Protein backbone atom coordinates (compact mmCIF):
# COMPACT_ATOMS: atom_id res chain seq x y z
CA MET A 1 69.56 91.07 53.05
CA LEU A 2 71.40 87.51 53.51
CA LYS A 3 68.41 86.56 55.67
CA LYS A 4 65.66 87.42 53.34
CA LEU A 5 67.17 85.53 50.90
CA HIS A 6 67.50 82.46 53.18
CA ASN A 7 63.86 83.09 53.55
CA ILE A 8 62.96 82.60 50.13
CA VAL A 9 65.22 79.53 49.83
CA GLU A 10 63.39 78.24 52.64
CA LYS A 11 60.14 78.91 51.02
CA LEU A 12 61.43 76.46 48.09
CA ARG A 13 62.48 74.35 49.94
CA PRO A 14 59.16 71.76 49.84
CA THR A 15 58.60 72.03 46.22
CA PHE A 16 62.37 70.32 45.78
CA SER A 17 61.91 67.92 48.07
CA GLU A 18 60.78 64.74 47.28
CA GLY A 19 57.14 64.54 46.74
CA GLY A 20 57.50 68.87 45.33
CA LYS A 21 56.42 69.71 41.66
CA LEU A 22 60.69 69.81 41.21
CA SER A 23 61.80 67.39 42.93
CA ALA A 24 63.89 65.87 39.98
CA LEU A 25 66.32 68.69 40.16
CA HIS A 26 67.02 68.90 43.96
CA SER A 27 70.60 68.21 42.95
CA LEU A 28 70.56 71.63 41.45
CA PHE A 29 68.71 73.41 44.18
CA ASP A 30 71.07 71.41 47.14
CA GLY A 31 73.91 73.11 45.17
CA PHE A 32 72.78 76.51 44.58
CA GLU A 33 72.04 76.38 48.59
CA THR A 34 75.35 75.49 50.17
CA PHE A 35 77.15 77.28 47.91
CA LEU A 36 74.79 80.30 48.79
CA PHE A 37 75.02 79.16 52.48
CA THR A 38 77.34 77.55 54.81
CA PRO A 39 76.19 73.81 55.36
CA ASN A 40 74.16 73.61 59.31
CA THR A 41 75.24 69.42 59.15
CA THR A 42 78.30 67.82 60.33
CA ALA A 43 79.65 64.51 60.17
CA LYS A 44 78.57 61.91 63.09
CA ARG A 45 80.02 63.00 66.11
CA VAL A 46 82.13 60.04 66.42
CA GLY A 47 85.89 59.07 65.93
CA SER A 48 88.35 62.18 64.86
CA GLN A 49 85.78 64.21 62.63
CA ILE A 50 86.54 68.01 62.27
CA HIS A 51 83.28 69.58 63.30
CA ASP A 52 83.49 73.20 62.15
CA GLY A 53 82.03 74.78 58.88
CA SER A 54 84.39 74.71 56.12
CA ASP A 55 83.35 71.92 53.09
CA SER A 56 84.82 71.69 49.96
CA LYS A 57 83.09 74.60 48.23
CA ARG A 58 84.90 76.76 50.26
CA THR A 59 88.36 75.56 49.45
CA MET A 60 87.12 75.66 46.26
CA ILE A 61 86.70 79.02 46.45
CA LEU A 62 89.37 79.86 47.83
CA VAL A 63 91.32 78.36 44.41
CA VAL A 64 89.19 80.05 42.37
CA MET A 65 89.80 83.41 43.95
CA ALA A 66 93.88 82.45 43.71
CA LEU A 67 93.59 82.21 39.89
CA VAL A 68 91.96 85.14 39.61
CA PRO A 69 95.02 87.65 39.20
CA ALA A 70 96.34 84.95 36.60
CA LEU A 71 92.98 85.96 34.44
CA LEU A 72 92.88 89.46 35.07
CA PHE A 73 96.03 89.94 33.55
CA GLY A 74 95.60 87.13 30.82
CA MET A 75 92.58 89.51 29.43
CA PHE A 76 94.28 92.53 29.69
CA ASN A 77 97.51 90.91 27.89
CA VAL A 78 95.18 89.50 25.16
CA GLY A 79 94.11 92.89 24.50
CA TYR A 80 97.74 94.00 24.42
CA GLN A 81 98.66 91.54 21.71
CA HIS A 82 96.12 92.52 19.86
CA PHE A 83 96.78 96.25 19.62
CA LEU A 84 100.09 95.25 19.16
CA ALA A 85 99.69 93.27 16.05
CA THR A 86 97.01 96.31 14.93
CA GLY A 87 100.12 98.43 15.01
CA GLU A 88 97.40 100.76 17.08
CA LEU A 89 99.74 99.54 20.38
CA VAL A 90 103.50 100.41 20.59
CA ARG A 91 105.81 98.52 22.94
CA GLY A 92 106.24 100.51 25.90
CA ALA A 93 103.84 103.50 24.39
CA MET A 94 100.95 102.30 27.20
CA THR A 95 98.21 104.88 28.11
CA CYS A 96 95.35 105.01 30.87
CA ALA A 97 92.97 104.71 28.12
CA MET A 98 94.69 101.72 25.87
CA PHE A 99 95.21 99.48 29.16
CA TRP A 100 91.38 100.49 29.81
CA LYS A 101 90.34 99.39 25.85
CA ALA A 102 92.98 96.87 26.13
CA PHE A 103 91.60 94.81 28.94
CA ALA A 104 88.19 95.57 27.63
CA PHE A 105 88.88 94.25 24.52
CA GLY A 106 90.28 90.65 26.47
CA ALA A 107 87.71 90.77 28.54
CA LEU A 108 84.80 90.27 26.08
CA ALA A 109 87.83 87.89 24.31
CA VAL A 110 87.98 85.53 27.37
CA LEU A 111 84.67 85.97 29.02
CA PRO A 112 83.15 82.90 26.21
CA TYR A 113 85.62 80.69 27.02
CA ILE A 114 84.70 80.98 31.53
CA ILE A 115 81.02 80.87 29.97
CA VAL A 116 81.57 77.43 27.39
CA SER A 117 83.72 75.80 30.22
CA TYR A 118 81.24 75.89 33.10
CA GLY A 119 78.45 75.41 31.55
CA VAL A 120 79.68 72.52 29.80
CA GLY A 121 80.79 70.72 32.98
CA LEU A 122 78.58 72.05 35.74
CA GLY A 123 75.79 70.88 33.08
CA ILE A 124 77.15 67.37 33.40
CA GLU A 125 77.68 67.66 36.75
CA PHE A 126 73.96 68.47 37.56
CA THR A 127 72.80 65.99 35.12
CA VAL A 128 75.15 63.18 36.71
CA ALA A 129 74.91 64.41 40.36
CA GLN A 130 70.37 64.30 39.43
CA TRP A 131 70.73 61.22 37.58
CA LYS A 132 72.36 59.53 40.97
CA LYS A 133 70.24 61.54 43.27
CA GLU A 134 73.34 62.52 44.97
CA GLU A 135 74.62 66.18 46.31
CA ILE A 136 75.98 68.21 43.37
CA GLN A 137 80.08 67.65 43.61
CA GLU A 138 82.29 70.66 43.66
CA GLY A 139 85.63 69.94 42.23
CA PHE A 140 84.57 71.68 38.73
CA LEU A 141 84.50 74.95 40.29
CA VAL A 142 87.93 75.13 39.88
CA SER A 143 88.73 72.75 36.88
CA GLY A 144 86.34 74.83 35.24
CA MET A 145 87.89 78.51 35.63
CA ILE A 146 91.64 76.55 34.89
CA ILE A 147 90.57 74.78 31.17
CA PRO A 148 89.99 78.36 29.55
CA LEU A 149 93.61 79.85 31.44
CA ILE A 150 95.36 76.61 29.88
CA VAL A 151 93.97 77.55 26.31
CA PRO A 152 95.58 79.48 23.22
CA ILE A 153 93.32 82.40 22.89
CA ASN A 154 92.80 81.46 19.17
CA THR A 155 91.32 77.65 20.15
CA PRO A 156 87.42 78.07 19.09
CA LEU A 157 84.02 77.09 21.62
CA TRP A 158 83.44 74.12 20.11
CA MET A 159 86.44 72.47 20.86
CA VAL A 160 86.64 73.93 24.30
CA ALA A 161 83.25 72.36 24.98
CA VAL A 162 83.83 69.09 23.18
CA ALA A 163 87.40 68.90 25.49
CA THR A 164 85.30 69.86 28.42
CA ALA A 165 83.04 67.46 28.02
CA PHE A 166 85.41 65.06 27.44
CA ALA A 167 87.58 65.79 30.99
CA VAL A 168 84.12 65.53 33.08
CA ILE A 169 83.06 62.38 31.56
CA PHE A 170 85.88 60.30 30.96
CA ALA A 171 88.60 61.75 33.49
CA LYS A 172 86.02 62.49 36.32
CA GLU A 173 82.68 60.59 36.14
CA VAL A 174 83.58 57.30 35.43
CA PHE A 175 86.19 57.45 38.36
CA GLY A 176 83.18 57.80 40.29
CA GLY A 177 83.42 61.47 40.48
CA THR A 178 85.14 64.48 42.75
CA GLY A 179 87.80 62.92 44.48
CA TYR A 180 87.84 59.55 42.73
CA ASN A 181 89.38 60.72 39.57
CA ILE A 182 93.57 59.61 38.94
CA PHE A 183 94.34 62.96 36.75
CA ASN A 184 93.60 66.21 36.88
CA VAL A 185 90.30 67.08 34.48
CA ALA A 186 91.49 70.31 33.19
CA LEU A 187 94.80 69.05 32.28
CA ILE A 188 93.07 65.84 30.20
CA ALA A 189 91.24 68.49 28.85
CA ARG A 190 94.09 70.31 27.68
CA ALA A 191 95.97 66.84 26.63
CA PHE A 192 92.45 66.09 24.96
CA LEU A 193 92.98 69.56 22.85
CA PHE A 194 96.96 68.90 22.14
CA PHE A 195 96.57 65.58 20.22
CA ALA A 196 93.18 65.90 18.37
CA TYR A 197 93.59 69.43 17.23
CA PRO A 198 97.25 70.43 17.79
CA THR A 199 97.31 72.75 15.21
CA HIS A 200 95.47 75.44 17.88
CA MET A 201 97.60 74.33 21.38
CA THR A 202 100.99 76.12 20.01
CA GLY A 203 99.68 79.18 21.89
CA ASP A 204 101.78 80.80 19.33
CA LYS A 205 98.85 83.01 18.19
CA CYS A 206 97.63 86.21 19.70
CA PHE A 207 93.98 87.20 19.13
CA VAL A 208 93.33 89.06 16.05
CA ARG A 209 89.34 89.60 15.64
CA THR A 210 88.08 90.67 11.88
CA GLU A 211 85.93 93.46 11.88
CA GLY A 212 82.17 92.40 12.45
CA THR A 213 82.73 89.28 13.58
CA TRP A 214 81.88 87.76 17.09
CA GLY A 215 80.28 84.61 18.07
CA TRP A 216 81.54 80.67 17.83
CA ASP A 217 83.66 79.28 15.32
CA ASN A 218 80.72 77.65 12.94
CA GLY A 219 82.70 77.94 9.44
CA GLN A 220 83.08 81.86 9.47
CA THR A 221 86.19 83.68 9.92
CA LEU A 222 86.19 83.88 13.62
CA VAL A 223 90.41 85.04 14.08
CA ASP A 224 92.85 86.43 11.99
CA GLY A 225 96.32 84.49 13.62
CA PHE A 226 99.21 86.52 14.14
CA SER A 227 102.82 84.84 14.42
CA GLY A 228 103.47 85.63 17.30
CA ALA A 229 105.22 82.87 18.49
CA THR A 230 106.09 81.65 21.96
CA PRO A 231 109.59 81.76 23.74
CA LEU A 232 109.90 78.24 23.82
CA THR A 233 108.21 77.41 20.28
CA GLN A 234 111.38 79.85 19.10
CA LEU A 235 113.73 77.62 20.45
CA ALA A 236 112.38 74.15 19.39
CA THR A 237 112.45 75.73 16.01
CA SER A 238 115.56 77.57 16.15
CA THR A 239 118.90 76.46 14.91
CA GLU A 240 120.84 78.91 17.02
CA ALA A 241 122.55 77.35 20.49
CA ASN A 242 122.68 79.86 21.93
CA LEU A 243 119.34 81.50 21.39
CA LEU A 244 117.25 84.43 24.38
CA PRO A 245 114.22 85.47 23.12
CA VAL A 246 113.53 86.90 26.00
CA ASP A 247 115.38 88.31 29.18
CA PHE A 248 114.31 87.29 32.52
CA TRP A 249 111.67 89.94 33.17
CA THR A 250 109.77 90.07 30.29
CA ALA A 251 108.91 86.43 30.68
CA PHE A 252 108.10 87.12 33.96
CA ASN A 253 106.23 89.91 33.27
CA GLY A 254 104.25 88.09 31.18
CA LEU A 255 103.34 90.53 27.92
CA ILE A 256 104.33 87.54 25.42
CA PRO A 257 101.89 85.53 23.80
CA GLY A 258 101.22 82.36 25.09
CA SER A 259 97.95 80.73 26.84
CA ILE A 260 95.53 82.87 28.42
CA GLY A 261 96.63 82.46 32.17
CA GLU A 262 100.28 81.33 32.28
CA THR A 263 102.27 84.08 31.12
CA CYS A 264 102.60 86.54 34.06
CA GLY A 265 104.77 85.08 36.89
CA TRP A 266 103.93 87.99 39.51
CA ALA A 267 100.19 86.98 38.66
CA ILE A 268 100.15 83.35 39.56
CA LEU A 269 102.33 84.21 42.57
CA LEU A 270 99.91 85.74 44.44
CA GLY A 271 97.62 83.15 43.68
CA ALA A 272 100.46 80.92 45.51
CA ALA A 273 100.78 83.28 48.44
CA LEU A 274 96.90 82.45 49.07
CA LEU A 275 96.71 79.44 48.23
CA ILE A 276 99.98 78.59 51.09
CA VAL A 277 98.57 81.19 53.84
CA THR A 278 95.13 79.48 53.47
CA GLY A 279 96.93 75.78 53.21
CA VAL A 280 94.79 75.03 51.18
CA ALA A 281 97.66 73.98 48.63
CA SER A 282 101.09 72.72 49.45
CA TRP A 283 104.38 74.90 49.92
CA LYS A 284 106.62 71.57 49.62
CA THR A 285 105.30 70.63 45.82
CA MET A 286 105.25 74.31 44.68
CA LEU A 287 109.02 74.41 45.74
CA SER A 288 110.24 70.45 44.95
CA ILE A 289 109.34 71.21 41.08
CA PHE A 290 111.12 74.83 41.08
CA ALA A 291 114.28 72.79 42.39
CA GLY A 292 113.62 69.90 40.43
CA GLY A 293 113.67 72.09 37.12
CA ALA A 294 116.58 74.20 38.14
CA LEU A 295 118.31 71.44 38.89
CA THR A 296 117.20 69.04 35.51
CA ALA A 297 117.92 72.66 33.62
CA TRP A 298 121.05 73.81 34.77
CA LEU A 299 122.49 70.04 34.39
CA PHE A 300 121.37 70.01 30.61
CA ASN A 301 123.15 73.77 30.31
CA GLU A 302 126.54 72.40 31.74
CA PHE A 303 126.52 69.07 29.95
CA GLY A 304 123.92 68.87 27.62
CA ALA A 305 124.17 69.34 23.68
CA GLU A 306 124.64 72.31 21.81
CA THR A 307 121.08 73.05 21.10
CA ALA A 308 119.25 76.83 22.12
CA VAL A 309 116.90 74.19 24.24
CA ALA A 310 119.81 72.36 26.08
CA ASN A 311 120.60 75.92 26.48
CA TYR A 312 117.98 77.93 27.72
CA PRO A 313 119.32 79.40 31.24
CA TRP A 314 118.08 77.21 33.88
CA TYR A 315 116.06 80.48 35.56
CA MET A 316 114.16 80.89 32.12
CA HIS A 317 112.76 77.56 32.54
CA LEU A 318 110.93 78.34 35.17
CA VAL A 319 109.35 81.16 33.34
CA THR A 320 108.05 80.46 30.32
CA GLY A 321 105.88 77.99 29.40
CA GLY A 322 103.31 76.50 31.63
CA PHE A 323 105.75 75.78 34.36
CA MET A 324 105.08 78.33 36.71
CA PHE A 325 101.23 77.15 36.43
CA GLY A 326 101.51 74.08 36.98
CA ALA A 327 103.69 74.28 39.75
CA VAL A 328 101.38 76.21 41.39
CA PHE A 329 97.58 75.37 40.49
CA MET A 330 97.57 71.71 38.85
CA ALA A 331 100.28 69.86 40.59
CA THR A 332 99.11 70.36 43.88
CA ASP A 333 95.70 69.48 43.65
CA PRO A 334 95.35 67.47 46.67
CA VAL A 335 93.34 64.38 44.95
CA THR A 336 95.84 63.45 42.43
CA SER A 337 98.99 64.84 43.59
CA ALA A 338 101.08 63.33 46.83
CA ARG A 339 99.42 63.44 50.10
CA THR A 340 102.43 62.09 52.39
CA GLU A 341 104.95 64.99 53.50
CA CYS A 342 107.79 63.19 51.70
CA GLY A 343 105.77 62.36 48.83
CA LYS A 344 105.62 66.24 47.91
CA TRP A 345 108.79 66.54 48.23
CA ILE A 346 109.81 63.30 45.69
CA TYR A 347 106.45 63.85 43.36
CA GLY A 348 107.53 67.68 42.86
CA ALA A 349 110.87 67.06 42.18
CA LEU A 350 109.87 64.53 39.62
CA ILE A 351 107.67 66.75 37.75
CA GLY A 352 110.25 69.43 37.60
CA PHE A 353 112.69 66.82 36.40
CA MET A 354 110.59 65.38 33.68
CA ALA A 355 109.36 69.28 32.38
CA VAL A 356 112.38 70.32 31.31
CA VAL A 357 113.66 66.81 29.91
CA ILE A 358 110.84 66.62 28.40
CA ARG A 359 110.97 70.32 26.36
CA VAL A 360 114.72 69.86 25.78
CA LEU A 361 114.74 66.37 24.01
CA ASN A 362 110.90 66.15 22.59
CA PRO A 363 112.02 69.50 19.91
CA GLY A 364 108.16 68.90 18.68
CA TYR A 365 106.76 69.42 22.16
CA PRO A 366 108.37 72.21 23.06
CA GLU A 367 105.87 72.71 25.95
CA GLY A 368 106.69 69.53 28.90
CA MET A 369 104.23 70.70 31.99
CA MET A 370 101.87 69.04 31.33
CA LEU A 371 102.99 65.62 30.23
CA ALA A 372 105.05 66.06 33.31
CA ILE A 373 102.02 66.40 35.77
CA LEU A 374 100.04 63.63 34.23
CA LEU A 375 102.75 61.36 34.22
CA MET A 376 103.48 62.17 38.04
CA ASN A 377 99.75 61.50 38.14
CA ALA A 378 99.84 58.09 37.72
CA PHE A 379 102.53 57.17 39.81
CA ALA A 380 101.40 59.35 43.28
CA PRO A 381 99.71 56.55 44.81
CA LEU A 382 103.14 54.24 44.35
CA ILE A 383 104.94 57.18 45.86
CA ASP A 384 102.63 57.62 48.92
CA TRP A 385 103.11 53.97 49.59
CA CYS A 386 106.71 53.88 49.20
CA VAL A 387 106.82 56.58 51.59
CA VAL A 388 104.47 54.92 54.07
CA GLN A 389 106.16 51.57 53.46
CA VAL A 390 109.83 52.61 54.43
CA ASN A 391 108.60 54.47 57.35
CA ILE A 392 106.29 50.97 58.71
CA LYS A 393 109.59 49.05 58.54
CA LYS A 394 111.50 51.85 59.92
CA ARG A 395 108.79 51.80 62.95
CA MET A 396 109.17 48.19 63.07
CA LYS A 397 112.59 48.33 63.27
CA ARG A 398 112.25 50.51 66.38
CA ALA A 399 109.74 49.08 68.25
CA LYS A 400 111.81 45.34 68.51
CA ILE A 401 114.38 47.55 70.31
C-alpha cells in the first residue's frame, strides 16, 4: 500500500517541480510528501550532525498525539455539560448510552474549531511558504491543535479564525517562521481573544445548542449561554474567605465548565508522560512550574489576605484553570522556553510563581497561566544568557587555577 502511494507521489513530482504545470504549488506538494514519508535527505556530512530519519514533523506529531487524551475528554465534557444544563442528565447517573451520546454531541461541537484553526493557520503557512519559495514549516501542526483546546466552547468560530490569523502572522511569520518566534503562537491567539473579546473568554458557560441552529455565529443565535462558572471565576467574584467551589478530585477529573482541553488532569498527565518518555518536552520545566506554583500558593495561604483566592488551597491551584495544560503543553515549547538545563528550573519556577500571583492579586483576571507563560517567554533568552555567563565565569576561574 505504501509502495503504491509512493509511486503515485513520484509520478506527480514532475508536475509540481520547476517547469511543471503546477510548479507554483511546489511547497504544498513538498509538505504533503514529507508528511507522508520520512525524508531521505540529511544534513551535510560534515561537523557534528545527527543523521537519522527524524524531522520536525515527526516531533510535532508526537505532541499532537500527546494532546489526544485532553481532546477526547474535552469532547465528552462539552456534551456532558450540555446535557446537565438541559436536564437530560443527572450528575452521577451516567449510562453507557448517555456517555456515547454526550461524546458524539461534543465531538460535533468541537470539530469545527479544529477545522477552522488548521484551515486558517495552515492556509497562511502554505501561502507564505510558496511566496518565499521555501519548504512548509511544521510548527503549526501543534499550535493548530492547541488553539481549539484553550478556548471556551461558546467562542464564535469567526473569532477563532481571526485570532488564529493574527497569531500566525504577527507572532510567527513576521519573526521569520517556525523556530524564530519569541512568544508561543497558541497563547498569542488566546491573548488576542481575551483582550479583544473578553466576554467570550471566561470559559464559564457550557455549550447548549438551540434546536435547529448549526453553523457560524453570523448574527443568528447559535448557542444559549448557561451560567456554570468555573472554580476560579467563582473565587474571583466571591466574598467568602474560605470558599471551595469544587473538591480536588472533581477538579482533577475535569467534569466542570472550562476551556475545551484544560479541565481534565489525568488526560493532561497522560500527554505529559508521552512527551517526557519521548524526550520531546522537559520534565524539569514541568516540575519546576508545579513546585513554583505550589510554594507561592502555600505562602499566600499562610500570609495572604483573607480572600477566597488567597485562601484557596495550594493543591487546588494546580488542578484548576489552565495551570496543568499550560505547564505541560505550552510552557515546554522548545522554541520559546529556556534551553539551558539550569535555566529550565528558573524559567518554570517563575511561571508557577507568576501564575498564582496574577490569580490572587488581580481579581479582574481569575486565570493567570496565559500571562505568566507569555511574560516568561520574553525573559527566557535573558535567563539562558545569565546561566551561560555564570558557567563561563566558573570555568574561567578553574582555568586560572
